[in-house]
Each structure stands twice: as structure tokens, then as C-alpha cells.
């Protein structure tokens, strides 16, 4: 999922440089949403790993 967030970020940067503001904004928004989903899953997996180690 982080891979796709980075892909959309690169698309947003390229579209922004070329002057396609709407496409750049949409791609940046998708990248941001995917990044936060990835971050949430990372925190959840770290918490589960911490609790399983405590047993």
C-alpha cells in the first residue's frame, strides 16, 4: 500500500510540474489517504506484536 501512495505522490509531482492542477490535487489526495491508511495499519500491527510478545 505504501508503494501505491508513493506512485500517486510521484504522479502528483509530475502533474504539478506540467501544470495539470486538478490531476495533481487528486493524485496528492489519494496518496495522502493511502499513506494514512498505511500508517494506521503499521501502528495496529506494532501494537499486536507488542501484546503477543508480552504473553
PDB file of N, CA and C in Angstrom:
ATOM      1  N   UNK A   1       0.823  -1.187   0.000  1.00  0.00           N
ATOM      2  CA  UNK A   1       0.000   0.000   0.000  1.00  0.00           C
ATOM      3  C   UNK A   1       0.871   1.256   0.000  1.00  0.00           C
ATOM      4  N   UNK A   2       1.984   1.180   0.702  1.00  0.00           N
ATOM      5  CA  UNK A   2       2.893   2.317   0.690  1.00  0.00           C
ATOM      6  C   UNK A   2       3.449   2.552  -0.715  1.00  0.00           C
ATOM      7  N   UNK A   3       3.629   1.473  -1.459  1.00  0.00           N
ATOM      8  CA  UNK A   3       4.085   1.578  -2.846  1.00  0.00           C
ATOM      9  C   UNK A   3       3.113   2.427  -3.668  1.00  0.00           C
ATOM     10  N   UNK A   4       1.813   2.168  -3.510  1.00  0.00           N
ATOM     11  CA  UNK A   4       0.825   2.923  -4.277  1.00  0.00           C
ATOM     12  C   UNK A   4       0.761   4.378  -3.833  1.00  0.00           C
ATOM     13  N   UNK A   5       0.948   4.632  -2.546  1.00  0.00           N
ATOM     14  CA  UNK A   5       0.982   6.014  -2.072  1.00  0.00           C
ATOM     15  C   UNK A   5       2.144   6.765  -2.710  1.00  0.00           C
ATOM     16  N   UNK A   6       3.292   6.110  -2.810  1.00  0.00           N
ATOM     17  CA  UNK A   6       4.444   6.748  -3.447  1.00  0.00           C
ATOM     18  C   UNK A   6       4.217   6.957  -4.939  1.00  0.00           C
ATOM     19  N   UNK A   7       3.562   6.000  -5.599  1.00  0.00           N
ATOM     20  CA  UNK A   7       3.256   6.152  -7.032  1.00  0.00           C
ATOM     21  C   UNK A   7       2.355   7.364  -7.254  1.00  0.00           C
ATOM     22  N   UNK A   8       1.286   7.490  -6.443  1.00  0.00           N
ATOM     23  CA  UNK A   8       0.388   8.638  -6.601  1.00  0.00           C
ATOM     24  C   UNK A   8       1.092   9.942  -6.252  1.00  0.00           C
ATOM     25  N   UNK A   9       2.026   9.907  -5.307  1.00  0.00           N
ATOM     26  CA  UNK A   9       2.785  11.105  -4.982  1.00  0.00           C
ATOM     27  C   UNK A   9       3.649  11.535  -6.163  1.00  0.00           C
ATOM     28  N   UNK A  10       4.301  10.585  -6.813  1.00  0.00           N
ATOM     29  CA  UNK A  10       5.119  10.900  -7.982  1.00  0.00           C
ATOM     30  C   UNK A  10       4.248  11.434  -9.120  1.00  0.00           C
ATOM     31  N   UNK A  11       3.085  10.826  -9.328  1.00  0.00           N
ATOM     32  CA  UNK A  11       2.159  11.314 -10.357  1.00  0.00           C
ATOM     33  C   UNK A  11       1.722  12.734 -10.041  1.00  0.00           C
ATOM     34  N   UNK A  12       1.455  13.023  -8.775  1.00  0.00           N
ATOM     35  CA  UNK A  12       1.043  14.373  -8.381  1.00  0.00           C
ATOM     36  C   UNK A  12       2.157  15.384  -8.625  1.00  0.00           C
ATOM     37  N   UNK A  13       3.383  15.004  -8.321  1.00  0.00           N
ATOM     38  CA  UNK A  13       4.506  15.928  -8.534  1.00  0.00           C
ATOM     39  C   UNK A  13       4.712  16.191 -10.018  1.00  0.00           C
ATOM     40  N   UNK A  14       4.661  15.138 -10.830  1.00  0.00           N
ATOM     41  CA  UNK A  14       4.848  15.308 -12.276  1.00  0.00           C
ATOM     42  C   UNK A  14       3.711  16.133 -12.871  1.00  0.00           C
ATOM     43  N   UNK A  15       2.477  15.855 -12.452  1.00  0.00           N
ATOM     44  CA  UNK A  15       1.335  16.620 -12.974  1.00  0.00           C
ATOM     45  C   UNK A  15       1.413  18.075 -12.533  1.00  0.00           C
ATOM     46  N   UNK A  16       1.877  18.313 -11.314  1.00  0.00           N
ATOM     47  CA  UNK A  16       2.025  19.696 -10.837  1.00  0.00           C
ATOM     48  C   UNK A  16       3.076  20.459 -11.628  1.00  0.00           C
ATOM     49  N   UNK A  17       4.175  19.791 -11.952  1.00  0.00           N
ATOM     50  CA  UNK A  17       5.241  20.440 -12.727  1.00  0.00           C
ATOM     51  C   UNK A  17       4.746  20.760 -14.130  1.00  0.00           C
ATOM     52  N   UNK A  18       3.944  19.861 -14.703  1.00  0.00           N
ATOM     53  CA  UNK A  18       3.452  20.075 -16.061  1.00  0.00           C
ATOM     54  C   UNK A  18       2.251  21.016 -16.130  1.00  0.00           C
ATOM     55  N   UNK A  19       1.717  21.399 -14.974  1.00  0.00           N
ATOM     56  CA  UNK A  19       0.642  22.382 -14.960  1.00  0.00           C
ATOM     57  C   UNK A  19      -0.764  21.806 -14.919  1.00  0.00           C
ATOM     58  N   UNK A  20      -0.899  20.543 -14.638  1.00  0.00           N
ATOM     59  CA  UNK A  20      -2.220  19.936 -14.532  1.00  0.00           C
ATOM     60  C   UNK A  20      -2.656  19.964 -13.069  1.00  0.00           C
ATOM     61  N   UNK A  21      -3.199  21.085 -12.637  1.00  0.00           N
ATOM     62  CA  UNK A  21      -3.522  21.290 -11.226  1.00  0.00           C
ATOM     63  C   UNK A  21      -4.564  20.341 -10.678  1.00  0.00           C
ATOM     64  N   UNK A  22      -5.615  20.081 -11.447  1.00  0.00           N
ATOM     65  CA  UNK A  22      -6.679  19.203 -10.963  1.00  0.00           C
ATOM     66  C   UNK A  22      -6.215  17.776 -10.775  1.00  0.00           C
ATOM     67  N   UNK A  23      -5.451  17.285 -11.733  1.00  0.00           N
ATOM     68  CA  UNK A  23      -4.928  15.919 -11.646  1.00  0.00           C
ATOM     69  C   UNK A  23      -3.919  15.827 -10.510  1.00  0.00           C
ATOM     70  N   UNK A  24      -3.095  16.844 -10.353  1.00  0.00           N
ATOM     71  CA  UNK A  24      -2.098  16.839  -9.285  1.00  0.00           C
ATOM     72  C   UNK A  24      -2.769  16.840  -7.919  1.00  0.00           C
ATOM     73  N   UNK A  25      -3.819  17.616  -7.774  1.00  0.00           N
ATOM     74  CA  UNK A  25      -4.540  17.660  -6.500  1.00  0.00           C
ATOM     75  C   UNK A  25      -5.207  16.339  -6.173  1.00  0.00           C
ATOM     76  N   UNK A  26      -5.802  15.717  -7.181  1.00  0.00           N
ATOM     77  CA  UNK A  26      -6.469  14.434  -6.962  1.00  0.00           C
ATOM     78  C   UNK A  26      -5.461  13.349  -6.611  1.00  0.00           C
ATOM     79  N   UNK A  27      -4.355  13.301  -7.325  1.00  0.00           N
ATOM     80  CA  UNK A  27      -3.334  12.291  -7.051  1.00  0.00           C
ATOM     81  C   UNK A  27      -2.699  12.512  -5.679  1.00  0.00           C
ATOM     82  N   UNK A  28      -2.489  13.749  -5.306  1.00  0.00           N
ATOM     83  CA  UNK A  28      -1.928  14.034  -3.988  1.00  0.00           C
ATOM     84  C   UNK A  28      -2.904  13.641  -2.885  1.00  0.00           C
ATOM     85  N   UNK A  29      -4.187  13.868  -3.113  1.00  0.00           N
ATOM     86  CA  UNK A  29      -5.198  13.465  -2.135  1.00  0.00           C
ATOM     87  C   UNK A  29      -5.249  11.960  -1.955  1.00  0.00           C
ATOM     88  N   UNK A  30      -5.180  11.224  -3.049  1.00  0.00           N
ATOM     89  CA  UNK A  30      -5.178   9.759  -2.975  1.00  0.00           C
ATOM     90  C   UNK A  30      -3.926   9.275  -2.263  1.00  0.00           C
ATOM     91  N   UNK A  31      -2.782   9.869  -2.581  1.00  0.00           N
ATOM     92  CA  UNK A  31      -1.532   9.475  -1.925  1.00  0.00           C
ATOM     93  C   UNK A  31      -1.597   9.734  -0.426  1.00  0.00           C
ATOM     94  N   UNK A  32      -2.192  10.850  -0.042  1.00  0.00           N
ATOM     95  CA  UNK A  32      -2.301  11.178   1.378  1.00  0.00           C
ATOM     96  C   UNK A  32      -3.213  10.194   2.108  1.00  0.00           C
ATOM     97  N   UNK A  33      -4.338   9.847   1.502  1.00  0.00           N
ATOM     98  CA  UNK A  33      -5.257   8.882   2.108  1.00  0.00           C
ATOM     99  C   UNK A  33      -4.584   7.520   2.259  1.00  0.00           C
ATOM    100  N   UNK A  34      -3.910   7.057   1.211  1.00  0.00           N
ATOM    101  CA  UNK A  34      -3.225   5.763   1.276  1.00  0.00           C
ATOM    102  C   UNK A  34      -2.114   5.771   2.313  1.00  0.00           C
ATOM    103  N   UNK A  35      -1.412   6.890   2.443  1.00  0.00           N
ATOM    104  CA  UNK A  35      -0.350   6.980   3.436  1.00  0.00           C
ATOM    105  C   UNK A  35      -0.913   6.866   4.844  1.00  0.00           C
ATOM    106  N   UNK A  36      -2.021   7.543   5.129  1.00  0.00           N
ATOM    107  CA  UNK A  36      -2.606   7.472   6.461  1.00  0.00           C
ATOM    108  C   UNK A  36      -3.174   6.090   6.758  1.00  0.00           C
ATOM    109  N   UNK A  37      -3.724   5.421   5.759  1.00  0.00           N
ATOM    110  CA  UNK A  37      -4.186   4.043   5.955  1.00  0.00           C
ATOM    111  C   UNK A  37      -2.999   3.152   6.286  1.00  0.00           C
ATOM    112  N   UNK A  38      -1.904   3.304   5.544  1.00  0.00           N
ATOM    113  CA  UNK A  38      -0.694   2.531   5.804  1.00  0.00           C
ATOM    114  C   UNK A  38      -0.176   2.812   7.202  1.00  0.00           C
ATOM    115  N   UNK A  39      -0.160   4.056   7.610  1.00  0.00           N
ATOM    116  CA  UNK A  39       0.332   4.424   8.927  1.00  0.00           C
ATOM    117  C   UNK A  39      -0.529   3.802  10.027  1.00  0.00           C
ATOM    118  N   UNK A  40      -1.840   3.815   9.844  1.00  0.00           N
ATOM    119  CA  UNK A  40      -2.741   3.193  10.806  1.00  0.00           C
ATOM    120  C   UNK A  40      -2.522   1.694  10.907  1.00  0.00           C
ATOM    121  N   UNK A  41      -2.356   1.026   9.771  1.00  0.00           N
ATOM    122  CA  UNK A  41      -2.095  -0.417   9.791  1.00  0.00           C
ATOM    123  C   UNK A  41      -0.753  -0.728  10.440  1.00  0.00           C
ATOM    124  N   UNK A  42       0.241   0.136  10.243  1.00  0.00           N
ATOM    125  CA  UNK A  42       1.533  -0.054  10.876  1.00  0.00           C
ATOM    126  C   UNK A  42       1.407   0.018  12.400  1.00  0.00           C
ATOM    127  N   UNK A  43       0.684   1.010  12.894  1.00  0.00           N
ATOM    128  CA  UNK A  43       0.510   1.157  14.338  1.00  0.00           C
ATOM    129  C   UNK A  43      -0.241  -0.044  14.913  1.00  0.00           C
ATOM    130  N   UNK A  44      -1.278  -0.493  14.221  1.00  0.00           N
ATOM    131  CA  UNK A  44      -2.044  -1.650  14.690  1.00  0.00           C
ATOM    132  C   UNK A  44      -1.167  -2.892  14.736  1.00  0.00           C
ATOM    133  N   UNK A  45      -0.369  -3.118  13.698  1.00  0.00           N
ATOM    134  CA  UNK A  45       0.492  -4.302  13.679  1.00  0.00           C
ATOM    135  C   UNK A  45       1.562  -4.221  14.766  1.00  0.00           C
ATOM    136  N   UNK A  46       2.090  -3.026  15.036  1.00  0.00           N
ATOM    137  CA  UNK A  46       3.069  -2.881  16.110  1.00  0.00           C
ATOM    138  C   UNK A  46       2.442  -3.169  17.473  1.00  0.00           C
ATOM    139  N   UNK A  47       1.218  -2.707  17.682  1.00  0.00           N
ATOM    140  CA  UNK A  47       0.542  -2.975  18.946  1.00  0.00           C
ATOM    141  C   UNK A  47       0.260  -4.454  19.126  1.00  0.00           C
ATOM    142  N   UNK A  48      -0.204  -5.137  18.072  1.00  0.00           N
ATOM    143  CA  UNK A  48      -0.440  -6.571  18.162  1.00  0.00           C
ATOM    144  C   UNK A  48       0.862  -7.317  18.427  1.00  0.00           C
ATOM    145  N   UNK A  49       1.941  -6.906  17.804  1.00  0.00           N
ATOM    146  CA  UNK A  49       3.233  -7.540  18.047  1.00  0.00           C
ATOM    147  C   UNK A  49       3.711  -7.337  19.477  1.00  0.00           C
ATOM    148  N   UNK A  50       3.459  -6.143  20.022  1.00  0.00           N
ATOM    149  CA  UNK A  50       3.844  -5.853  21.392  1.00  0.00           C
ATOM    150  C   UNK A  50       3.042  -6.689  22.372  1.00  0.00           C
ATOM    151  N   UNK A  51       1.740  -6.828  22.136  1.00  0.00           N
ATOM    152  CA  UNK A  51       0.891  -7.599  23.029  1.00  0.00           C
ATOM    153  C   UNK A  51       1.174  -9.097  22.923  1.00  0.00           C
ATOM    154  N   UNK A  52       1.513  -9.597  21.757  1.00  0.00           N
ATOM    155  CA  UNK A  52       1.818 -11.023  21.600  1.00  0.00           C
ATOM    156  C   UNK A  52       3.156 -11.365  22.240  1.00  0.00           C
ATOM    157  N   UNK A  53       4.089 -10.442  22.245  1.00  0.00           N
ATOM    158  CA  UNK A  53       5.380 -10.682  22.871  1.00  0.00           C
ATOM    159  C   UNK A  53       5.243 -10.737  24.391  1.00  0.00           C
ATOM    160  N   UNK A  54       4.268 -10.003  24.946  1.00  0.00           N
ATOM    161  CA  UNK A  54       4.087  -9.939  26.389  1.00  0.00           C
ATOM    162  C   UNK A  54       3.562 -11.252  26.957  1.00  0.00           C
ATOM    163  N   UNK A  55       2.960 -12.094  26.146  1.00  0.00           N
ATOM    164  CA  UNK A  55       2.390 -13.367  26.637  1.00  0.00           C
ATOM    165  C   UNK A  55       3.427 -14.325  26.972  1.00  0.00           C
TER     166      UNK A  55
END
